[in-house]
Amino acid sequence: MNVMTNEGLRPQILAIAGGSCSGKTSLSRIVHERVGKNASALLQLDRYYRNIPLQNGTQMDLPNFDHPDALDLAFFGRHLAALKRGEAINVPIYNYALHRRQDETELMPPKPLIVVEGHLVLHDPNLRALFDLSCYIECPEDIRLERRIARDGAQRGRNEASVRQQFAQTVGPMHEQFVRPSKIHADRVVSQDEYCVRTVALVDSIIEQLEASAALGA
């Protein structure tokens, strides 16, 4: 059974988790491109952040975005369940400047493979029950921090001191409390060597596992 041509079968869901800047977004995109955009879809948990409420027309204090409560995990789960049933969903578009969802949404039809990624996708047991295969990318904290400094500086115009402060105050502690413990729920733990050096072999093995799973469920 080929995951890239399993039309008519129940869509499969591949979950990729890991800490901030561990490589999960890059790996999910590589798998998505390898399978092909006609046969797969990519869904990011970051699009399901909750709206920051307004008080007297003014935005209230920002929450801890690295805590599970900042995300609408139940809404995300309902969308995943719908995709797995073969139904299309309207994916929210989150405005990170306003910290609110836009009125517009993006239609996502079901595909043979749904790749989901996010730091907390393995935290919620209701989400885990929907996954056919899950991976957790292991990455040392110092590497993740250096990548985040480079990313936030280039993409968000932030200085190194502010990135280090956020990492120390919220990113690091929330990783230890919620993200790293979720590793035990992964079907496979991916090392940085496997992710960075043997990327092609890693992606091929993930697809082979999905194909084997599809064959068993056929």
C-alpha atoms as a PDB file:
ATOM      1  CA  MET A   1       0.000   0.000   0.000  1.00  0.00           C
ATOM      2  CA  ASN A   2       1.534   3.303  -1.088  1.00  0.00           C
ATOM      3  CA  VAL A   3       0.803   6.274   1.166  1.00  0.00           C
ATOM      4  CA  MET A   4       1.142   8.545  -1.852  1.00  0.00           C
ATOM      5  CA  THR A   5      -1.658   6.837  -3.780  1.00  0.00           C
ATOM      6  CA  ASN A   6      -4.043   5.546  -1.113  1.00  0.00           C
ATOM      7  CA  GLU A   7      -7.096   7.368  -2.434  1.00  0.00           C
ATOM      8  CA  GLY A   8     -10.326   5.967  -1.082  1.00  0.00           C
ATOM      9  CA  LEU A   9      -8.725   4.895   2.173  1.00  0.00           C
ATOM     10  CA  ARG A  10      -8.854   6.636   5.531  1.00  0.00           C
ATOM     11  CA  PRO A  11      -6.343   9.524   5.575  1.00  0.00           C
ATOM     12  CA  GLN A  12      -3.260   8.920   7.697  1.00  0.00           C
ATOM     13  CA  ILE A  13      -1.903  11.461  10.147  1.00  0.00           C
ATOM     14  CA  LEU A  14       1.808  11.889  10.799  1.00  0.00           C
ATOM     15  CA  ALA A  15       2.716  14.011  13.836  1.00  0.00           C
ATOM     16  CA  ILE A  16       6.110  15.680  14.218  1.00  0.00           C
ATOM     17  CA  ALA A  17       6.938  17.177  17.614  1.00  0.00           C
ATOM     18  CA  GLY A  18       9.964  18.660  19.327  1.00  0.00           C
ATOM     19  CA  GLY A  19      11.205  21.749  21.074  1.00  0.00           C
ATOM     20  CA  SER A  20      11.415  25.234  19.618  1.00  0.00           C
ATOM     21  CA  CYS A  21      13.863  25.241  16.675  1.00  0.00           C
ATOM     22  CA  SER A  22      14.509  21.510  16.929  1.00  0.00           C
ATOM     23  CA  GLY A  23      13.811  21.046  13.212  1.00  0.00           C
ATOM     24  CA  LYS A  24      10.209  19.855  13.269  1.00  0.00           C
ATOM     25  CA  THR A  25       8.922  22.458  10.813  1.00  0.00           C
ATOM     26  CA  SER A  26      11.678  21.700   8.306  1.00  0.00           C
ATOM     27  CA  LEU A  27      11.205  17.940   8.590  1.00  0.00           C
ATOM     28  CA  SER A  28       7.432  18.194   8.182  1.00  0.00           C
ATOM     29  CA  ARG A  29       7.887  20.277   5.028  1.00  0.00           C
ATOM     30  CA  ILE A  30      10.410  17.823   3.594  1.00  0.00           C
ATOM     31  CA  VAL A  31       8.000  14.916   4.140  1.00  0.00           C
ATOM     32  CA  HIS A  32       5.162  16.974   2.644  1.00  0.00           C
ATOM     33  CA  GLU A  33       7.223  17.775  -0.455  1.00  0.00           C
ATOM     34  CA  ARG A  34       8.558  14.221  -0.742  1.00  0.00           C
ATOM     35  CA  VAL A  35       5.060  12.710  -0.717  1.00  0.00           C
ATOM     36  CA  GLY A  36       3.765  15.471  -2.965  1.00  0.00           C
ATOM     37  CA  LYS A  37       1.284  18.276  -2.468  1.00  0.00           C
ATOM     38  CA  ASN A  38      -1.455  16.395  -4.324  1.00  0.00           C
ATOM     39  CA  ALA A  39      -1.250  13.513  -1.864  1.00  0.00           C
ATOM     40  CA  SER A  40      -0.460  15.309   1.387  1.00  0.00           C
ATOM     41  CA  ALA A  41      -1.336  18.373   3.437  1.00  0.00           C
ATOM     42  CA  LEU A  42       0.629  20.204   6.106  1.00  0.00           C
ATOM     43  CA  LEU A  43      -1.138  21.516   9.212  1.00  0.00           C
ATOM     44  CA  GLN A  44       0.696  23.543  11.863  1.00  0.00           C
ATOM     45  CA  LEU A  45      -0.454  23.699  15.470  1.00  0.00           C
ATOM     46  CA  ASP A  46       0.710  27.330  15.677  1.00  0.00           C
ATOM     47  CA  ARG A  47      -2.319  28.342  13.620  1.00  0.00           C
ATOM     48  CA  TYR A  48      -4.569  27.383  16.545  1.00  0.00           C
ATOM     49  CA  TYR A  49      -3.451  29.925  19.117  1.00  0.00           C
ATOM     50  CA  ARG A  50      -6.331  31.455  21.031  1.00  0.00           C
ATOM     51  CA  ASN A  51      -7.449  35.033  20.474  1.00  0.00           C
ATOM     52  CA  ILE A  52      -6.097  37.484  23.018  1.00  0.00           C
ATOM     53  CA  PRO A  53      -9.216  39.129  24.527  1.00  0.00           C
ATOM     54  CA  LEU A  54      -9.776  42.853  24.409  1.00  0.00           C
ATOM     55  CA  GLN A  55     -10.771  44.926  27.439  1.00  0.00           C
ATOM     56  CA  ASN A  56     -12.316  48.315  26.703  1.00  0.00           C
ATOM     57  CA  GLY A  57     -10.929  48.026  23.194  1.00  0.00           C
ATOM     58  CA  THR A  58      -7.395  47.424  24.449  1.00  0.00           C
ATOM     59  CA  GLN A  59      -5.546  44.153  24.149  1.00  0.00           C
ATOM     60  CA  MET A  60      -4.970  42.489  27.497  1.00  0.00           C
ATOM     61  CA  ASP A  61      -1.548  41.271  28.625  1.00  0.00           C
ATOM     62  CA  LEU A  62      -0.096  38.572  26.413  1.00  0.00           C
ATOM     63  CA  PRO A  63      -0.173  35.026  27.799  1.00  0.00           C
ATOM     64  CA  ASN A  64       2.646  32.513  27.950  1.00  0.00           C
ATOM     65  CA  PHE A  65       2.597  31.318  24.338  1.00  0.00           C
ATOM     66  CA  ASP A  66       4.644  28.229  25.240  1.00  0.00           C
ATOM     67  CA  HIS A  67       2.002  26.931  27.662  1.00  0.00           C
ATOM     68  CA  PRO A  68      -0.678  24.502  26.392  1.00  0.00           C
ATOM     69  CA  ASP A  69      -3.452  26.856  27.523  1.00  0.00           C
ATOM     70  CA  ALA A  70      -2.398  29.382  24.865  1.00  0.00           C
ATOM     71  CA  LEU A  71      -3.535  26.925  22.184  1.00  0.00           C
ATOM     72  CA  ASP A  72      -7.033  25.709  21.365  1.00  0.00           C
ATOM     73  CA  LEU A  73      -6.076  22.032  21.360  1.00  0.00           C
ATOM     74  CA  ALA A  74      -9.716  20.895  21.323  1.00  0.00           C
ATOM     75  CA  PHE A  75     -10.411  22.908  18.162  1.00  0.00           C
ATOM     76  CA  PHE A  76      -7.263  21.499  16.568  1.00  0.00           C
ATOM     77  CA  GLY A  77      -8.385  17.989  17.502  1.00  0.00           C
ATOM     78  CA  ARG A  78     -11.819  18.472  15.956  1.00  0.00           C
ATOM     79  CA  HIS A  79     -10.202  19.561  12.711  1.00  0.00           C
ATOM     80  CA  LEU A  80      -7.868  16.555  12.688  1.00  0.00           C
ATOM     81  CA  ALA A  81     -10.781  14.210  13.329  1.00  0.00           C
ATOM     82  CA  ALA A  82     -12.692  15.779  10.452  1.00  0.00           C
ATOM     83  CA  LEU A  83      -9.748  15.344   8.079  1.00  0.00           C
ATOM     84  CA  LYS A  84      -9.426  11.728   9.163  1.00  0.00           C
ATOM     85  CA  ARG A  85     -13.102  11.193   8.298  1.00  0.00           C
ATOM     86  CA  GLY A  86     -12.387  12.558   4.843  1.00  0.00           C
ATOM     87  CA  GLU A  87     -13.941  15.983   5.427  1.00  0.00           C
ATOM     88  CA  ALA A  88     -12.511  19.366   4.447  1.00  0.00           C
ATOM     89  CA  ILE A  89     -11.757  21.948   7.138  1.00  0.00           C
ATOM     90  CA  ASN A  90     -11.402  25.736   7.294  1.00  0.00           C
ATOM     91  CA  VAL A  91      -7.982  26.328   8.807  1.00  0.00           C
ATOM     92  CA  PRO A  92      -7.671  29.508  10.880  1.00  0.00           C
ATOM     93  CA  ILE A  93      -5.220  32.201   9.847  1.00  0.00           C
ATOM     94  CA  TYR A  94      -3.578  33.635  12.941  1.00  0.00           C
ATOM     95  CA  ASN A  95      -2.344  37.215  12.921  1.00  0.00           C
ATOM     96  CA  TYR A  96       0.755  37.181  15.097  1.00  0.00           C
ATOM     97  CA  ALA A  97       0.962  40.977  15.184  1.00  0.00           C
ATOM     98  CA  LEU A  98      -2.573  41.350  16.588  1.00  0.00           C
ATOM     99  CA  HIS A  99      -2.575  37.966  18.366  1.00  0.00           C
ATOM    100  CA  ARG A 100      -5.985  37.171  16.944  1.00  0.00           C
ATOM    101  CA  ARG A 101      -7.451  34.978  14.226  1.00  0.00           C
ATOM    102  CA  GLN A 102      -8.402  36.708  11.024  1.00  0.00           C
ATOM    103  CA  ASP A 103     -11.942  36.556   9.705  1.00  0.00           C
ATOM    104  CA  GLU A 104     -10.644  34.725   6.641  1.00  0.00           C
ATOM    105  CA  THR A 105      -9.808  31.021   6.756  1.00  0.00           C
ATOM    106  CA  GLU A 106      -7.997  28.644   4.422  1.00  0.00           C
ATOM    107  CA  LEU A 107      -9.844  25.647   3.005  1.00  0.00           C
ATOM    108  CA  MET A 108      -7.943  22.377   3.446  1.00  0.00           C
ATOM    109  CA  PRO A 109      -9.373  19.318   1.704  1.00  0.00           C
ATOM    110  CA  PRO A 110      -8.542  15.846   3.046  1.00  0.00           C
ATOM    111  CA  LYS A 111      -5.472  14.167   1.535  1.00  0.00           C
ATOM    112  CA  PRO A 112      -4.097  10.629   1.848  1.00  0.00           C
ATOM    113  CA  LEU A 113      -1.478  11.971   4.286  1.00  0.00           C
ATOM    114  CA  ILE A 114      -1.903  14.800   6.788  1.00  0.00           C
ATOM    115  CA  VAL A 115       1.392  15.996   8.303  1.00  0.00           C
ATOM    116  CA  VAL A 116       0.924  17.899  11.555  1.00  0.00           C
ATOM    117  CA  GLU A 117       3.677  19.646  13.453  1.00  0.00           C
ATOM    118  CA  GLY A 118       3.995  21.600  16.654  1.00  0.00           C
ATOM    119  CA  HIS A 119       5.829  21.617  19.948  1.00  0.00           C
ATOM    120  CA  LEU A 120       2.804  20.310  21.864  1.00  0.00           C
ATOM    121  CA  VAL A 121       1.152  17.899  19.425  1.00  0.00           C
ATOM    122  CA  LEU A 122       2.127  14.952  21.640  1.00  0.00           C
ATOM    123  CA  HIS A 123       1.027  16.604  24.879  1.00  0.00           C
ATOM    124  CA  ASP A 124      -2.718  15.990  24.549  1.00  0.00           C
ATOM    125  CA  PRO A 125      -3.936  12.350  24.729  1.00  0.00           C
ATOM    126  CA  ASN A 126      -6.963  13.176  22.554  1.00  0.00           C
ATOM    127  CA  LEU A 127      -4.637  14.323  19.788  1.00  0.00           C
ATOM    128  CA  ARG A 128      -2.319  11.347  20.180  1.00  0.00           C
ATOM    129  CA  ALA A 129      -5.240   8.991  19.618  1.00  0.00           C
ATOM    130  CA  LEU A 130      -5.637  10.397  16.099  1.00  0.00           C
ATOM    131  CA  PHE A 131      -2.052   9.863  14.948  1.00  0.00           C
ATOM    132  CA  ASP A 132      -0.972   6.915  12.811  1.00  0.00           C
ATOM    133  CA  LEU A 133       2.716   7.682  13.362  1.00  0.00           C
ATOM    134  CA  SER A 134       4.456  10.214  15.589  1.00  0.00           C
ATOM    135  CA  CYS A 135       8.035  11.449  15.711  1.00  0.00           C
ATOM    136  CA  TYR A 136       9.843  13.547  18.290  1.00  0.00           C
ATOM    137  CA  ILE A 137      12.994  15.392  17.231  1.00  0.00           C
ATOM    138  CA  GLU A 138      15.615  15.406  19.967  1.00  0.00           C
ATOM    139  CA  CYS A 139      17.799  18.513  20.044  1.00  0.00           C
ATOM    140  CA  PRO A 140      20.091  19.930  22.750  1.00  0.00           C
ATOM    141  CA  GLU A 141      18.977  23.199  24.317  1.00  0.00           C
ATOM    142  CA  ASP A 142      22.091  25.151  23.287  1.00  0.00           C
ATOM    143  CA  ILE A 143      21.530  24.311  19.615  1.00  0.00           C
ATOM    144  CA  ARG A 144      17.850  25.222  19.801  1.00  0.00           C
ATOM    145  CA  LEU A 145      18.669  28.538  21.465  1.00  0.00           C
ATOM    146  CA  GLU A 146      21.272  29.493  18.860  1.00  0.00           C
ATOM    147  CA  ARG A 147      18.855  28.625  16.061  1.00  0.00           C
ATOM    148  CA  ARG A 148      16.128  30.685  17.696  1.00  0.00           C
ATOM    149  CA  ILE A 149      18.421  33.694  18.056  1.00  0.00           C
ATOM    150  CA  ALA A 150      19.279  33.458  14.351  1.00  0.00           C
ATOM    151  CA  ARG A 151      15.657  32.901  13.279  1.00  0.00           C
ATOM    152  CA  ASP A 152      14.057  35.621  15.386  1.00  0.00           C
ATOM    153  CA  GLY A 153      16.760  38.092  14.469  1.00  0.00           C
ATOM    154  CA  ALA A 154      16.379  37.484  10.737  1.00  0.00           C
ATOM    155  CA  GLN A 155      12.612  36.997  10.529  1.00  0.00           C
ATOM    156  CA  ARG A 156      11.259  39.099  13.396  1.00  0.00           C
ATOM    157  CA  GLY A 157      13.878  41.786  13.911  1.00  0.00           C
ATOM    158  CA  ARG A 158      14.504  40.842  17.531  1.00  0.00           C
ATOM    159  CA  ASN A 159      17.787  41.411  19.324  1.00  0.00           C
ATOM    160  CA  GLU A 160      19.726  38.598  20.936  1.00  0.00           C
ATOM    161  CA  ALA A 161      19.135  39.780  24.505  1.00  0.00           C
ATOM    162  CA  SER A 162      15.334  39.672  24.144  1.00  0.00           C
ATOM    163  CA  VAL A 163      15.427  36.209  22.588  1.00  0.00           C
ATOM    164  CA  ARG A 164      17.636  34.885  25.378  1.00  0.00           C
ATOM    165  CA  GLN A 165      15.348  36.443  27.992  1.00  0.00           C
ATOM    166  CA  GLN A 166      12.220  34.856  26.515  1.00  0.00           C
ATOM    167  CA  PHE A 167      13.960  31.513  26.194  1.00  0.00           C
ATOM    168  CA  ALA A 168      15.033  31.608  29.833  1.00  0.00           C
ATOM    169  CA  GLN A 169      11.670  32.809  31.182  1.00  0.00           C
ATOM    170  CA  THR A 170       9.155  30.773  29.165  1.00  0.00           C
ATOM    171  CA  VAL A 171      10.512  28.688  26.288  1.00  0.00           C
ATOM    172  CA  GLY A 172      12.990  26.672  28.319  1.00  0.00           C
ATOM    173  CA  PRO A 173      10.796  26.070  31.400  1.00  0.00           C
ATOM    174  CA  MET A 174       7.742  25.131  29.311  1.00  0.00           C
ATOM    175  CA  HIS A 175       9.886  22.771  27.262  1.00  0.00           C
ATOM    176  CA  GLU A 176      10.957  20.975  30.426  1.00  0.00           C
ATOM    177  CA  GLN A 177       7.436  20.915  31.868  1.00  0.00           C
ATOM    178  CA  PHE A 178       5.383  19.990  28.801  1.00  0.00           C
ATOM    179  CA  VAL A 179       7.352  19.344  25.606  1.00  0.00           C
ATOM    180  CA  ARG A 180      10.200  17.067  26.649  1.00  0.00           C
ATOM    181  CA  PRO A 181       7.951  14.796  28.789  1.00  0.00           C
ATOM    182  CA  SER A 182       5.744  14.215  25.720  1.00  0.00           C
ATOM    183  CA  LYS A 183       8.669  12.435  24.035  1.00  0.00           C
ATOM    184  CA  ILE A 184       7.674   9.179  25.725  1.00  0.00           C
ATOM    185  CA  HIS A 185       4.535   9.097  23.579  1.00  0.00           C
ATOM    186  CA  ALA A 186       6.410   9.255  20.255  1.00  0.00           C
ATOM    187  CA  ASP A 187       6.581   6.178  18.054  1.00  0.00           C
ATOM    188  CA  ARG A 188      10.132   7.125  17.187  1.00  0.00           C
ATOM    189  CA  VAL A 189      12.656   9.615  18.562  1.00  0.00           C
ATOM    190  CA  VAL A 190      14.793  11.288  15.906  1.00  0.00           C
ATOM    191  CA  SER A 191      18.321  12.381  16.788  1.00  0.00           C
ATOM    192  CA  GLN A 192      19.923  15.511  15.346  1.00  0.00           C
ATOM    193  CA  ASP A 193      22.403  13.344  13.465  1.00  0.00           C
ATOM    194  CA  GLU A 194      19.576  11.433  11.827  1.00  0.00           C
ATOM    195  CA  TYR A 195      17.698  14.657  11.102  1.00  0.00           C
ATOM    196  CA  CYS A 196      20.617  16.752   9.814  1.00  0.00           C
ATOM    197  CA  VAL A 197      22.964  14.192   8.258  1.00  0.00           C
ATOM    198  CA  ARG A 198      20.726  11.333   7.109  1.00  0.00           C
ATOM    199  CA  THR A 199      17.671  13.333   6.149  1.00  0.00           C
ATOM    200  CA  VAL A 200      16.799  11.421   2.987  1.00  0.00           C
ATOM    201  CA  ALA A 201      17.055   8.048   4.699  1.00  0.00           C
ATOM    202  CA  LEU A 202      14.995   9.360   7.622  1.00  0.00           C
ATOM    203  CA  VAL A 203      12.183  10.634   5.386  1.00  0.00           C
ATOM    204  CA  ASP A 204      12.168   7.407   3.373  1.00  0.00           C
ATOM    205  CA  SER A 205      11.906   5.328   6.547  1.00  0.00           C
ATOM    206  CA  ILE A 206       9.025   7.465   7.847  1.00  0.00           C
ATOM    207  CA  ILE A 207       7.133   6.980   4.582  1.00  0.00           C
ATOM    208  CA  GLU A 208       7.831   3.231   4.681  1.00  0.00           C
ATOM    209  CA  GLN A 209       6.369   3.068   8.196  1.00  0.00           C
ATOM    210  CA  LEU A 210       3.265   4.896   7.035  1.00  0.00           C
ATOM    211  CA  GLU A 211       2.880   2.572   4.070  1.00  0.00           C
ATOM    212  CA  ALA A 212       3.192  -0.461   6.356  1.00  0.00           C
ATOM    213  CA  SER A 213       0.593   1.013   8.677  1.00  0.00           C
ATOM    214  CA  ALA A 214      -1.768   1.677   5.754  1.00  0.00           C
ATOM    215  CA  ALA A 215      -1.350  -1.885   4.533  1.00  0.00           C
ATOM    216  CA  LEU A 216      -2.243  -3.284   7.938  1.00  0.00           C
ATOM    217  CA  GLY A 217      -5.316  -1.067   8.136  1.00  0.00           C
ATOM    218  CA  ALA A 218      -6.525  -1.765   4.612  1.00  0.00           C
END
